PDB file of N, CA and C in Angstrom:
ATOM      1  N   UNK A   1      -6.506  20.035 -12.484  1.00  0.00           N
ATOM      2  CA  UNK A   1      -6.057  19.009 -13.413  1.00  0.00           C
ATOM      3  C   UNK A   1      -4.629  18.560 -13.096  1.00  0.00           C
ATOM      4  N   UNK A   2      -3.736  19.493 -12.861  1.00  0.00           N
ATOM      5  CA  UNK A   2      -2.340  19.138 -12.589  1.00  0.00           C
ATOM      6  C   UNK A   2      -2.223  18.318 -11.307  1.00  0.00           C
ATOM      7  N   UNK A   3      -3.020  18.672 -10.288  1.00  0.00           N
ATOM      8  CA  UNK A   3      -2.963  17.924  -9.029  1.00  0.00           C
ATOM      9  C   UNK A   3      -3.430  16.491  -9.246  1.00  0.00           C
ATOM     10  N   UNK A   4      -4.474  16.328 -10.035  1.00  0.00           N
ATOM     11  CA  UNK A   4      -4.990  14.987 -10.315  1.00  0.00           C
ATOM     12  C   UNK A   4      -3.951  14.149 -11.063  1.00  0.00           C
ATOM     13  N   UNK A   5      -3.274  14.759 -12.009  1.00  0.00           N
ATOM     14  CA  UNK A   5      -2.226  14.053 -12.751  1.00  0.00           C
ATOM     15  C   UNK A   5      -1.078  13.669 -11.823  1.00  0.00           C
ATOM     16  N   UNK A   6      -0.722  14.588 -10.943  1.00  0.00           N
ATOM     17  CA  UNK A   6       0.352  14.315  -9.994  1.00  0.00           C
ATOM     18  C   UNK A   6      -0.021  13.147  -9.083  1.00  0.00           C
ATOM     19  N   UNK A   7      -1.251  13.136  -8.590  1.00  0.00           N
ATOM     20  CA  UNK A   7      -1.703  12.034  -7.734  1.00  0.00           C
ATOM     21  C   UNK A   7      -1.710  10.711  -8.503  1.00  0.00           C
ATOM     22  N   UNK A   8      -2.060  10.770  -9.777  1.00  0.00           N
ATOM     23  CA  UNK A   8      -2.034   9.561 -10.614  1.00  0.00           C
ATOM     24  C   UNK A   8      -0.600   9.044 -10.752  1.00  0.00           C
ATOM     25  N   UNK A   9       0.327   9.947 -11.002  1.00  0.00           N
ATOM     26  CA  UNK A   9       1.738   9.565 -11.138  1.00  0.00           C
ATOM     27  C   UNK A   9       2.263   8.990  -9.830  1.00  0.00           C
ATOM     28  N   UNK A  10       1.922   9.626  -8.728  1.00  0.00           N
ATOM     29  CA  UNK A  10       2.360   9.139  -7.414  1.00  0.00           C
ATOM     30  C   UNK A  10       1.797   7.746  -7.154  1.00  0.00           C
ATOM     31  N   UNK A  11       0.532   7.544  -7.489  1.00  0.00           N
ATOM     32  CA  UNK A  11      -0.082   6.225  -7.324  1.00  0.00           C
ATOM     33  C   UNK A  11       0.618   5.170  -8.162  1.00  0.00           C
ATOM     34  N   UNK A  12       0.949   5.528  -9.387  1.00  0.00           N
ATOM     35  CA  UNK A  12       1.649   4.596 -10.280  1.00  0.00           C
ATOM     36  C   UNK A  12       3.034   4.256  -9.736  1.00  0.00           C
ATOM     37  N   UNK A  13       3.755   5.262  -9.281  1.00  0.00           N
ATOM     38  CA  UNK A  13       5.094   5.036  -8.728  1.00  0.00           C
ATOM     39  C   UNK A  13       5.028   4.173  -7.469  1.00  0.00           C
ATOM     40  N   UNK A  14       4.014   4.388  -6.659  1.00  0.00           N
ATOM     41  CA  UNK A  14       3.832   3.579  -5.457  1.00  0.00           C
ATOM     42  C   UNK A  14       3.609   2.114  -5.826  1.00  0.00           C
ATOM     43  N   UNK A  15       2.819   1.880  -6.861  1.00  0.00           N
ATOM     44  CA  UNK A  15       2.567   0.504  -7.308  1.00  0.00           C
ATOM     45  C   UNK A  15       3.831  -0.139  -7.866  1.00  0.00           C
ATOM     46  N   UNK A  16       4.648   0.637  -8.548  1.00  0.00           N
ATOM     47  CA  UNK A  16       5.924   0.118  -9.053  1.00  0.00           C
ATOM     48  C   UNK A  16       6.796  -0.317  -7.884  1.00  0.00           C
ATOM     49  N   UNK A  17       6.838   0.508  -6.847  1.00  0.00           N
ATOM     50  CA  UNK A  17       7.614   0.165  -5.650  1.00  0.00           C
ATOM     51  C   UNK A  17       7.093  -1.120  -5.022  1.00  0.00           C
ATOM     52  N   UNK A  18       5.773  -1.221  -4.889  1.00  0.00           N
ATOM     53  CA  UNK A  18       5.169  -2.413  -4.288  1.00  0.00           C
ATOM     54  C   UNK A  18       5.500  -3.663  -5.097  1.00  0.00           C
ATOM     55  N   UNK A  19       5.444  -3.551  -6.408  1.00  0.00           N
ATOM     56  CA  UNK A  19       5.755  -4.696  -7.272  1.00  0.00           C
ATOM     57  C   UNK A  19       7.214  -5.116  -7.109  1.00  0.00           C
ATOM     58  N   UNK A  20       8.108  -4.144  -7.097  1.00  0.00           N
ATOM     59  CA  UNK A  20       9.535  -4.451  -6.931  1.00  0.00           C
ATOM     60  C   UNK A  20       9.783  -5.130  -5.587  1.00  0.00           C
ATOM     61  N   UNK A  21       9.170  -4.600  -4.536  1.00  0.00           N
ATOM     62  CA  UNK A  21       9.316  -5.185  -3.200  1.00  0.00           C
ATOM     63  C   UNK A  21       8.796  -6.617  -3.200  1.00  0.00           C
ATOM     64  N   UNK A  22       7.639  -6.819  -3.785  1.00  0.00           N
ATOM     65  CA  UNK A  22       7.025  -8.155  -3.830  1.00  0.00           C
ATOM     66  C   UNK A  22       7.935  -9.152  -4.560  1.00  0.00           C
ATOM     67  N   UNK A  23       8.482  -8.747  -5.694  1.00  0.00           N
ATOM     68  CA  UNK A  23       9.352  -9.643  -6.461  1.00  0.00           C
ATOM     69  C   UNK A  23      10.617  -9.987  -5.681  1.00  0.00           C
ATOM     70  N   UNK A  24      11.206  -8.998  -5.037  1.00  0.00           N
ATOM     71  CA  UNK A  24      12.413  -9.255  -4.245  1.00  0.00           C
ATOM     72  C   UNK A  24      12.101 -10.151  -3.051  1.00  0.00           C
ATOM     73  N   UNK A  25      10.968  -9.894  -2.393  1.00  0.00           N
ATOM     74  CA  UNK A  25      10.593 -10.717  -1.236  1.00  0.00           C
ATOM     75  C   UNK A  25      10.350 -12.166  -1.638  1.00  0.00           C
ATOM     76  N   UNK A  26       9.802 -12.388  -2.822  1.00  0.00           N
ATOM     77  CA  UNK A  26       9.615 -13.769  -3.299  1.00  0.00           C
ATOM     78  C   UNK A  26      10.953 -14.483  -3.436  1.00  0.00           C
ATOM     79  N   UNK A  27      11.954 -13.788  -3.945  1.00  0.00           N
ATOM     80  CA  UNK A  27      13.291 -14.379  -4.078  1.00  0.00           C
ATOM     81  C   UNK A  27      13.930 -14.595  -2.712  1.00  0.00           C
ATOM     82  N   UNK A  28      13.700 -13.663  -1.803  1.00  0.00           N
ATOM     83  CA  UNK A  28      14.259 -13.758  -0.452  1.00  0.00           C
ATOM     84  C   UNK A  28      13.702 -14.972   0.287  1.00  0.00           C
ATOM     85  N   UNK A  29      12.415 -15.256   0.097  1.00  0.00           N
ATOM     86  CA  UNK A  29      11.782 -16.391   0.785  1.00  0.00           C
ATOM     87  C   UNK A  29      12.499 -17.709   0.499  1.00  0.00           C
ATOM     88  N   UNK A  30      13.047 -17.831  -0.689  1.00  0.00           N
ATOM     89  CA  UNK A  30      13.785 -19.048  -1.055  1.00  0.00           C
ATOM     90  C   UNK A  30      14.972 -19.229  -0.115  1.00  0.00           C
ATOM     91  N   UNK A  31      15.710 -18.154   0.135  1.00  0.00           N
ATOM     92  CA  UNK A  31      16.861 -18.224   1.036  1.00  0.00           C
ATOM     93  C   UNK A  31      16.419 -18.442   2.482  1.00  0.00           C
ATOM     94  N   UNK A  32      15.336 -17.789   2.883  1.00  0.00           N
ATOM     95  CA  UNK A  32      14.851 -17.964   4.259  1.00  0.00           C
ATOM     96  C   UNK A  32      14.468 -19.420   4.514  1.00  0.00           C
ATOM     97  N   UNK A  33      13.819 -20.040   3.537  1.00  0.00           N
ATOM     98  CA  UNK A  33      13.446 -21.452   3.686  1.00  0.00           C
ATOM     99  C   UNK A  33      14.673 -22.352   3.649  1.00  0.00           C
ATOM    100  N   UNK A  34      15.563 -22.086   2.719  1.00  0.00           N
ATOM    101  CA  UNK A  34      16.757 -22.915   2.557  1.00  0.00           C
ATOM    102  C   UNK A  34      17.622 -22.912   3.812  1.00  0.00           C
ATOM    103  N   UNK A  35      17.785 -21.747   4.426  1.00  0.00           N
ATOM    104  CA  UNK A  35      18.672 -21.622   5.584  1.00  0.00           C
ATOM    105  C   UNK A  35      17.917 -21.527   6.911  1.00  0.00           C
ATOM    106  N   UNK A  36      16.570 -21.628   6.837  1.00  0.00           N
ATOM    107  CA  UNK A  36      15.726 -21.594   8.043  1.00  0.00           C
ATOM    108  C   UNK A  36      16.107 -20.406   8.941  1.00  0.00           C
ATOM    109  N   UNK A  37      16.110 -19.224   8.316  1.00  0.00           N
ATOM    110  CA  UNK A  37      16.550 -18.016   8.999  1.00  0.00           C
ATOM    111  C   UNK A  37      15.805 -16.823   8.407  1.00  0.00           C
ATOM    112  N   UNK A  38      15.325 -15.937   9.264  1.00  0.00           N
ATOM    113  CA  UNK A  38      14.665 -14.733   8.761  1.00  0.00           C
ATOM    114  C   UNK A  38      15.705 -13.811   8.135  1.00  0.00           C
ATOM    115  N   UNK A  39      15.270 -12.981   7.228  1.00  0.00           N
ATOM    116  CA  UNK A  39      16.197 -12.061   6.573  1.00  0.00           C
ATOM    117  C   UNK A  39      16.773 -11.052   7.554  1.00  0.00           C
ATOM    118  N   UNK A  40      15.972 -10.626   8.513  1.00  0.00           N
ATOM    119  CA  UNK A  40      16.472  -9.685   9.513  1.00  0.00           C
ATOM    120  C   UNK A  40      17.628 -10.260  10.312  1.00  0.00           C
ATOM    121  N   UNK A  41      17.454 -11.496  10.775  1.00  0.00           N
ATOM    122  CA  UNK A  41      18.526 -12.147  11.544  1.00  0.00           C
ATOM    123  C   UNK A  41      19.729 -12.447  10.657  1.00  0.00           C
ATOM    124  N   UNK A  42      19.450 -12.895   9.435  1.00  0.00           N
ATOM    125  CA  UNK A  42      20.541 -13.152   8.501  1.00  0.00           C
ATOM    126  C   UNK A  42      21.365 -11.885   8.285  1.00  0.00           C
ATOM    127  N   UNK A  43      20.679 -10.784   8.012  1.00  0.00           N
ATOM    128  CA  UNK A  43      21.372  -9.533   7.690  1.00  0.00           C
ATOM    129  C   UNK A  43      22.222  -9.058   8.872  1.00  0.00           C
ATOM    130  N   UNK A  44      21.670  -9.188  10.055  1.00  0.00           N
ATOM    131  CA  UNK A  44      22.421  -8.808  11.260  1.00  0.00           C
ATOM    132  C   UNK A  44      23.702  -9.642  11.373  1.00  0.00           C
ATOM    133  N   UNK A  45      23.571 -10.947  11.184  1.00  0.00           N
ATOM    134  CA  UNK A  45      24.744 -11.835  11.250  1.00  0.00           C
ATOM    135  C   UNK A  45      25.744 -11.523  10.141  1.00  0.00           C
ATOM    136  N   UNK A  46      25.215 -11.273   8.945  1.00  0.00           N
ATOM    137  CA  UNK A  46      26.086 -10.984   7.809  1.00  0.00           C
ATOM    138  C   UNK A  46      26.900  -9.716   8.070  1.00  0.00           C
ATOM    139  N   UNK A  47      26.232  -8.693   8.569  1.00  0.00           N
ATOM    140  CA  UNK A  47      26.902  -7.419   8.839  1.00  0.00           C
ATOM    141  C   UNK A  47      28.002  -7.576   9.890  1.00  0.00           C
ATOM    142  N   UNK A  48      27.807  -8.499  10.821  1.00  0.00           N
ATOM    143  CA  UNK A  48      28.802  -8.740  11.875  1.00  0.00           C
ATOM    144  C   UNK A  48      29.887  -9.719  11.429  1.00  0.00           C
ATOM    145  N   UNK A  49      29.712 -10.313  10.245  1.00  0.00           N
ATOM    146  CA  UNK A  49      30.690 -11.279   9.744  1.00  0.00           C
ATOM    147  C   UNK A  49      30.563 -12.649  10.368  1.00  0.00           C
ATOM    148  N   UNK A  50      29.359 -12.978  10.872  1.00  0.00           N
ATOM    149  CA  UNK A  50      29.140 -14.244  11.579  1.00  0.00           C
ATOM    150  C   UNK A  50      28.343 -15.268  10.776  1.00  0.00           C
ATOM    151  N   UNK A  51      28.385 -15.207   9.448  1.00  0.00           N
ATOM    152  CA  UNK A  51      27.516 -16.110   8.690  1.00  0.00           C
ATOM    153  C   UNK A  51      28.250 -16.918   7.629  1.00  0.00           C
ATOM    154  N   UNK A  52      29.388 -16.518   7.183  1.00  0.00           N
ATOM    155  CA  UNK A  52      30.102 -17.252   6.139  1.00  0.00           C
ATOM    156  C   UNK A  52      30.196 -16.452   4.856  1.00  0.00           C
ATOM    157  N   UNK A  53      30.830 -17.049   3.868  1.00  0.00           N
ATOM    158  CA  UNK A  53      31.101 -16.348   2.614  1.00  0.00           C
ATOM    159  C   UNK A  53      30.477 -17.018   1.395  1.00  0.00           C
ATOM    160  N   UNK A  54      29.421 -17.780   1.596  1.00  0.00           N
ATOM    161  CA  UNK A  54      28.782 -18.452   0.466  1.00  0.00           C
ATOM    162  C   UNK A  54      28.193 -17.424  -0.495  1.00  0.00           C
ATOM    163  N   UNK A  55      28.206 -17.758  -1.771  1.00  0.00           N
ATOM    164  CA  UNK A  55      27.650 -16.866  -2.792  1.00  0.00           C
ATOM    165  C   UNK A  55      26.184 -16.540  -2.500  1.00  0.00           C
ATOM    166  N   UNK A  56      25.427 -17.528  -2.010  1.00  0.00           N
ATOM    167  CA  UNK A  56      24.022 -17.299  -1.651  1.00  0.00           C
ATOM    168  C   UNK A  56      23.879 -16.115  -0.704  1.00  0.00           C
ATOM    169  N   UNK A  57      24.787 -16.005   0.243  1.00  0.00           N
ATOM    170  CA  UNK A  57      24.671 -14.960   1.250  1.00  0.00           C
ATOM    171  C   UNK A  57      24.856 -13.569   0.650  1.00  0.00           C
ATOM    172  N   UNK A  58      25.722 -13.461  -0.336  1.00  0.00           N
ATOM    173  CA  UNK A  58      25.914 -12.165  -0.983  1.00  0.00           C
ATOM    174  C   UNK A  58      24.695 -11.792  -1.823  1.00  0.00           C
ATOM    175  N   UNK A  59      24.101 -12.786  -2.465  1.00  0.00           N
ATOM    176  CA  UNK A  59      22.879 -12.529  -3.234  1.00  0.00           C
ATOM    177  C   UNK A  59      21.734 -12.158  -2.294  1.00  0.00           C
ATOM    178  N   UNK A  60      21.591 -12.898  -1.203  1.00  0.00           N
ATOM    179  CA  UNK A  60      20.544 -12.637  -0.214  1.00  0.00           C
ATOM    180  C   UNK A  60      20.694 -11.222   0.338  1.00  0.00           C
ATOM    181  N   UNK A  61      21.909 -10.842   0.677  1.00  0.00           N
ATOM    182  CA  UNK A  61      22.185  -9.495   1.191  1.00  0.00           C
ATOM    183  C   UNK A  61      21.743  -8.438   0.184  1.00  0.00           C
ATOM    184  N   UNK A  62      22.099  -8.641  -1.079  1.00  0.00           N
ATOM    185  CA  UNK A  62      21.733  -7.680  -2.118  1.00  0.00           C
ATOM    186  C   UNK A  62      20.216  -7.578  -2.270  1.00  0.00           C
ATOM    187  N   UNK A  63      19.535  -8.713  -2.236  1.00  0.00           N
ATOM    188  CA  UNK A  63      18.075  -8.709  -2.333  1.00  0.00           C
ATOM    189  C   UNK A  63      17.451  -7.982  -1.148  1.00  0.00           C
ATOM    190  N   UNK A  64      17.949  -8.266   0.050  1.00  0.00           N
ATOM    191  CA  UNK A  64      17.415  -7.641   1.256  1.00  0.00           C
ATOM    192  C   UNK A  64      17.634  -6.128   1.216  1.00  0.00           C
ATOM    193  N   UNK A  65      18.823  -5.707   0.817  1.00  0.00           N
ATOM    194  CA  UNK A  65      19.098  -4.274   0.712  1.00  0.00           C
ATOM    195  C   UNK A  65      18.240  -3.630  -0.374  1.00  0.00           C
ATOM    196  N   UNK A  66      17.947  -4.386  -1.423  1.00  0.00           N
ATOM    197  CA  UNK A  66      17.042  -3.891  -2.457  1.00  0.00           C
ATOM    198  C   UNK A  66      15.659  -3.618  -1.904  1.00  0.00           C
ATOM    199  N   UNK A  67      15.166  -4.523  -1.074  1.00  0.00           N
ATOM    200  CA  UNK A  67      13.861  -4.314  -0.432  1.00  0.00           C
ATOM    201  C   UNK A  67      13.896  -3.050   0.419  1.00  0.00           C
ATOM    202  N   UNK A  68      14.938  -2.894   1.204  1.00  0.00           N
ATOM    203  CA  UNK A  68      15.050  -1.708   2.056  1.00  0.00           C
ATOM    204  C   UNK A  68      15.052  -0.425   1.225  1.00  0.00           C
ATOM    205  N   UNK A  69      15.766  -0.439   0.116  1.00  0.00           N
ATOM    206  CA  UNK A  69      15.823   0.744  -0.749  1.00  0.00           C
ATOM    207  C   UNK A  69      14.474   1.039  -1.391  1.00  0.00           C
ATOM    208  N   UNK A  70      13.788   0.006  -1.870  1.00  0.00           N
ATOM    209  CA  UNK A  70      12.472   0.210  -2.469  1.00  0.00           C
ATOM    210  C   UNK A  70      11.460   0.685  -1.433  1.00  0.00           C
ATOM    211  N   UNK A  71      11.558   0.179  -0.211  1.00  0.00           N
ATOM    212  CA  UNK A  71      10.659   0.639   0.845  1.00  0.00           C
ATOM    213  C   UNK A  71      10.891   2.119   1.137  1.00  0.00           C
ATOM    214  N   UNK A  72      12.141   2.517   1.155  1.00  0.00           N
ATOM    215  CA  UNK A  72      12.476   3.925   1.381  1.00  0.00           C
ATOM    216  C   UNK A  72      11.943   4.796   0.238  1.00  0.00           C
ATOM    217  N   UNK A  73      12.086   4.308  -0.983  1.00  0.00           N
ATOM    218  CA  UNK A  73      11.574   5.042  -2.142  1.00  0.00           C
ATOM    219  C   UNK A  73      10.063   5.194  -2.049  1.00  0.00           C
ATOM    220  N   UNK A  74       9.380   4.117  -1.673  1.00  0.00           N
ATOM    221  CA  UNK A  74       7.921   4.180  -1.551  1.00  0.00           C
ATOM    222  C   UNK A  74       7.514   5.184  -0.480  1.00  0.00           C
ATOM    223  N   UNK A  75       8.223   5.210   0.637  1.00  0.00           N
ATOM    224  CA  UNK A  75       7.920   6.178   1.692  1.00  0.00           C
ATOM    225  C   UNK A  75       8.076   7.604   1.178  1.00  0.00           C
ATOM    226  N   UNK A  76       9.111   7.850   0.396  1.00  0.00           N
ATOM    227  CA  UNK A  76       9.328   9.183  -0.177  1.00  0.00           C
ATOM    228  C   UNK A  76       8.196   9.545  -1.137  1.00  0.00           C
ATOM    229  N   UNK A  77       7.794   8.603  -1.964  1.00  0.00           N
ATOM    230  CA  UNK A  77       6.698   8.830  -2.903  1.00  0.00           C
ATOM    231  C   UNK A  77       5.418   9.157  -2.140  1.00  0.00           C
ATOM    232  N   UNK A  78       5.151   8.409  -1.078  1.00  0.00           N
ATOM    233  CA  UNK A  78       3.928   8.638  -0.307  1.00  0.00           C
ATOM    234  C   UNK A  78       3.968   9.989   0.412  1.00  0.00           C
ATOM    235  N   UNK A  79       5.148  10.436   0.811  1.00  0.00           N
ATOM    236  CA  UNK A  79       5.267  11.766   1.423  1.00  0.00           C
ATOM    237  C   UNK A  79       4.885  12.854   0.433  1.00  0.00           C
ATOM    238  N   UNK A  80       5.211  12.631  -0.829  1.00  0.00           N
ATOM    239  CA  UNK A  80       4.845  13.603  -1.860  1.00  0.00           C
ATOM    240  C   UNK A  80       3.328  13.709  -2.005  1.00  0.00           C
ATOM    241  N   UNK A  81       2.646  12.618  -1.746  1.00  0.00           N
ATOM    242  CA  UNK A  81       1.189  12.593  -1.892  1.00  0.00           C
ATOM    243  C   UNK A  81       0.481  13.319  -0.761  1.00  0.00           C
ATOM    244  N   UNK A  82       1.155  13.471   0.367  1.00  0.00           N
ATOM    245  CA  UNK A  82       0.462  14.089   1.515  1.00  0.00           C
ATOM    246  C   UNK A  82       0.697  15.578   1.607  1.00  0.00           C
TER     247      UNK A  82
END
């Protein structure tokens, strides 16, 4: 019984991670379309200081880092399941 409950909790947490990632990616797509640039390339340029200081870029960076953090959390949750 406890194992089944644990697997249920892990499944729920995984879905929460997926939802958070999906919502952040939807917001990120707006910036990718607006600036015609993938988030990966944007982030690389931003980290090197080669993109500018527009407010959009700071928001985009935060959203992208949020996706990375949620992906890491989901990986940790899935490790618990195995």
